[in-house]
Amino acid sequence: MTFQPRGFDFLKDVDVRLTVELGRTSMTLKDVLGLTEESVVMLDRLTDELLDVMVNGKLIARGEVVAQGDRFGLRIVELAGAEAEETPALPARKSAKGGDA
């Protein structure tokens, strides 16, 4: 008996880690050890910037935080690589004779 999966259907049940990154910062160990319950850590993102959505550390999308009832959620706004599919056509090159190619 031979097993022949169709496409990637056989991978659909594999667990992956989905991470939503709010922002990053660099701190010295001294500053980290000085954090208390009232500390504020400034991140590298502005409040209106999209959040990174990663699967196993690889960026797959960007999104924004939404609230549903008493829980936070994430609305996907753009998929990673979507802008690469919409690359503009290259401009026409001129031939050696000075006309358009």
C-alpha atoms as a PDB file:
ATOM      1  CA  MET A   1       0.000   0.000   0.000  1.00  0.00           C
ATOM      2  CA  THR A   2       1.399   3.379  -0.994  1.00  0.00           C
ATOM      3  CA  PHE A   3       0.662   6.649   0.762  1.00  0.00           C
ATOM      4  CA  GLN A   4       0.435   9.611  -1.619  1.00  0.00           C
ATOM      5  CA  PRO A   5      -0.560  12.884   0.089  1.00  0.00           C
ATOM      6  CA  ARG A   6      -2.260  15.550  -1.990  1.00  0.00           C
ATOM      7  CA  GLY A   7      -0.427  18.852  -1.827  1.00  0.00           C
ATOM      8  CA  PHE A   8       0.255  19.958   1.718  1.00  0.00           C
ATOM      9  CA  ASP A   9      -2.868  18.389   3.245  1.00  0.00           C
ATOM     10  CA  PHE A  10      -0.739  16.037   5.320  1.00  0.00           C
ATOM     11  CA  LEU A  11       0.843  19.048   7.119  1.00  0.00           C
ATOM     12  CA  LYS A  12      -2.404  20.710   8.204  1.00  0.00           C
ATOM     13  CA  ASP A  13      -2.419  19.045  11.648  1.00  0.00           C
ATOM     14  CA  VAL A  14       1.190  19.975  12.531  1.00  0.00           C
ATOM     15  CA  ASP A  15       1.397  22.295  15.552  1.00  0.00           C
ATOM     16  CA  VAL A  16       3.270  25.563  15.053  1.00  0.00           C
ATOM     17  CA  ARG A  17       3.936  28.505  17.366  1.00  0.00           C
ATOM     18  CA  LEU A  18       2.139  31.699  16.317  1.00  0.00           C
ATOM     19  CA  THR A  19       3.628  34.845  17.849  1.00  0.00           C
ATOM     20  CA  VAL A  20       2.389  38.419  17.654  1.00  0.00           C
ATOM     21  CA  GLU A  21       5.157  40.921  18.311  1.00  0.00           C
ATOM     22  CA  LEU A  22       4.148  44.246  19.795  1.00  0.00           C
ATOM     23  CA  GLY A  23       7.641  45.716  19.617  1.00  0.00           C
ATOM     24  CA  ARG A  24      11.239  45.402  20.727  1.00  0.00           C
ATOM     25  CA  THR A  25      13.821  47.281  22.720  1.00  0.00           C
ATOM     26  CA  SER A  26      17.400  46.817  23.846  1.00  0.00           C
ATOM     27  CA  MET A  27      18.222  47.139  27.525  1.00  0.00           C
ATOM     28  CA  THR A  28      21.239  46.540  29.672  1.00  0.00           C
ATOM     29  CA  LEU A  29      21.015  43.725  32.190  1.00  0.00           C
ATOM     30  CA  LYS A  30      21.263  46.365  34.918  1.00  0.00           C
ATOM     31  CA  ASP A  31      18.089  48.054  33.577  1.00  0.00           C
ATOM     32  CA  VAL A  32      16.248  44.725  33.291  1.00  0.00           C
ATOM     33  CA  LEU A  33      17.120  43.853  36.885  1.00  0.00           C
ATOM     34  CA  GLY A  34      15.824  47.274  37.942  1.00  0.00           C
ATOM     35  CA  LEU A  35      12.302  46.716  36.540  1.00  0.00           C
ATOM     36  CA  THR A  36       9.477  46.856  39.060  1.00  0.00           C
ATOM     37  CA  GLU A  37       5.691  46.484  38.863  1.00  0.00           C
ATOM     38  CA  GLU A  38       5.302  50.167  37.933  1.00  0.00           C
ATOM     39  CA  SER A  39       8.092  50.244  35.325  1.00  0.00           C
ATOM     40  CA  VAL A  40       7.352  51.346  31.757  1.00  0.00           C
ATOM     41  CA  VAL A  41       9.451  49.891  28.951  1.00  0.00           C
ATOM     42  CA  MET A  42       9.382  51.912  25.735  1.00  0.00           C
ATOM     43  CA  LEU A  43       9.243  49.815  22.563  1.00  0.00           C
ATOM     44  CA  ASP A  44      10.438  50.575  19.044  1.00  0.00           C
ATOM     45  CA  ARG A  45       6.932  50.771  17.564  1.00  0.00           C
ATOM     46  CA  LEU A  46       4.449  53.597  17.285  1.00  0.00           C
ATOM     47  CA  THR A  47       0.873  53.091  18.441  1.00  0.00           C
ATOM     48  CA  ASP A  48      -0.522  53.162  14.892  1.00  0.00           C
ATOM     49  CA  GLU A  49       1.996  50.676  13.420  1.00  0.00           C
ATOM     50  CA  LEU A  50       0.928  47.157  12.512  1.00  0.00           C
ATOM     51  CA  LEU A  51       2.090  44.222  14.640  1.00  0.00           C
ATOM     52  CA  ASP A  52       4.245  41.409  13.239  1.00  0.00           C
ATOM     53  CA  VAL A  53       2.613  37.970  13.075  1.00  0.00           C
ATOM     54  CA  MET A  54       5.162  35.156  12.981  1.00  0.00           C
ATOM     55  CA  VAL A  55       4.975  31.378  12.706  1.00  0.00           C
ATOM     56  CA  ASN A  56       7.965  29.653  14.259  1.00  0.00           C
ATOM     57  CA  GLY A  57       9.894  32.941  14.073  1.00  0.00           C
ATOM     58  CA  LYS A  58       9.143  33.652  10.386  1.00  0.00           C
ATOM     59  CA  LEU A  59       7.091  36.724   9.484  1.00  0.00           C
ATOM     60  CA  ILE A  60       3.873  35.680   7.739  1.00  0.00           C
ATOM     61  CA  ALA A  61       1.594  38.710   8.180  1.00  0.00           C
ATOM     62  CA  ARG A  62       0.959  42.042   9.855  1.00  0.00           C
ATOM     63  CA  GLY A  63      -2.128  42.921  11.840  1.00  0.00           C
ATOM     64  CA  GLU A  64      -3.821  45.115  14.401  1.00  0.00           C
ATOM     65  CA  VAL A  65      -5.169  44.437  17.874  1.00  0.00           C
ATOM     66  CA  VAL A  66      -8.939  44.138  18.273  1.00  0.00           C
ATOM     67  CA  ALA A  67     -11.058  43.523  21.358  1.00  0.00           C
ATOM     68  CA  GLN A  68     -13.770  40.878  21.343  1.00  0.00           C
ATOM     69  CA  GLY A  69     -15.674  40.788  24.583  1.00  0.00           C
ATOM     70  CA  ASP A  70     -13.126  40.590  27.392  1.00  0.00           C
ATOM     71  CA  ARG A  71     -10.329  39.184  25.203  1.00  0.00           C
ATOM     72  CA  PHE A  72      -7.795  40.567  22.758  1.00  0.00           C
ATOM     73  CA  GLY A  73      -7.689  39.360  19.180  1.00  0.00           C
ATOM     74  CA  LEU A  74      -5.786  40.134  16.019  1.00  0.00           C
ATOM     75  CA  ARG A  75      -7.111  41.285  12.655  1.00  0.00           C
ATOM     76  CA  ILE A  76      -4.794  40.348   9.782  1.00  0.00           C
ATOM     77  CA  VAL A  77      -4.285  43.424   7.611  1.00  0.00           C
ATOM     78  CA  GLU A  78      -1.626  42.227   5.174  1.00  0.00           C
ATOM     79  CA  LEU A  79       0.129  38.985   4.346  1.00  0.00           C
ATOM     80  CA  ALA A  80       3.904  38.914   4.089  1.00  0.00           C
ATOM     81  CA  GLY A  81       5.075  38.821   0.494  1.00  0.00           C
ATOM     82  CA  ALA A  82       1.795  40.212  -0.862  1.00  0.00           C
ATOM     83  CA  GLU A  83       3.533  43.419  -1.945  1.00  0.00           C
ATOM     84  CA  ALA A  84       6.133  41.385  -3.897  1.00  0.00           C
ATOM     85  CA  GLU A  85       3.374  39.958  -6.111  1.00  0.00           C
ATOM     86  CA  GLU A  86       2.409  43.467  -7.208  1.00  0.00           C
ATOM     87  CA  THR A  87       5.820  44.554  -8.531  1.00  0.00           C
ATOM     88  CA  PRO A  88       5.598  47.142 -11.328  1.00  0.00           C
ATOM     89  CA  ALA A  89       6.790  46.262 -14.809  1.00  0.00           C
ATOM     90  CA  LEU A  90      10.353  47.259 -15.628  1.00  0.00           C
ATOM     91  CA  PRO A  91      10.711  50.342 -17.847  1.00  0.00           C
ATOM     92  CA  ALA A  92      11.512  49.660 -21.511  1.00  0.00           C
ATOM     93  CA  ARG A  93      15.227  49.808 -22.319  1.00  0.00           C
ATOM     94  CA  LYS A  94      16.494  51.938 -25.185  1.00  0.00           C
ATOM     95  CA  SER A  95      18.324  50.152 -27.978  1.00  0.00           C
ATOM     96  CA  ALA A  96      21.794  51.121 -29.169  1.00  0.00           C
ATOM     97  CA  LYS A  97      20.202  53.039 -32.099  1.00  0.00           C
ATOM     98  CA  GLY A  98      18.465  55.405 -29.693  1.00  0.00           C
ATOM     99  CA  GLY A  99      14.937  54.090 -30.328  1.00  0.00           C
ATOM    100  CA  ASP A 100      12.714  52.264 -27.868  1.00  0.00           C
ATOM    101  CA  ALA A 101      13.071  48.497 -27.655  1.00  0.00           C
END
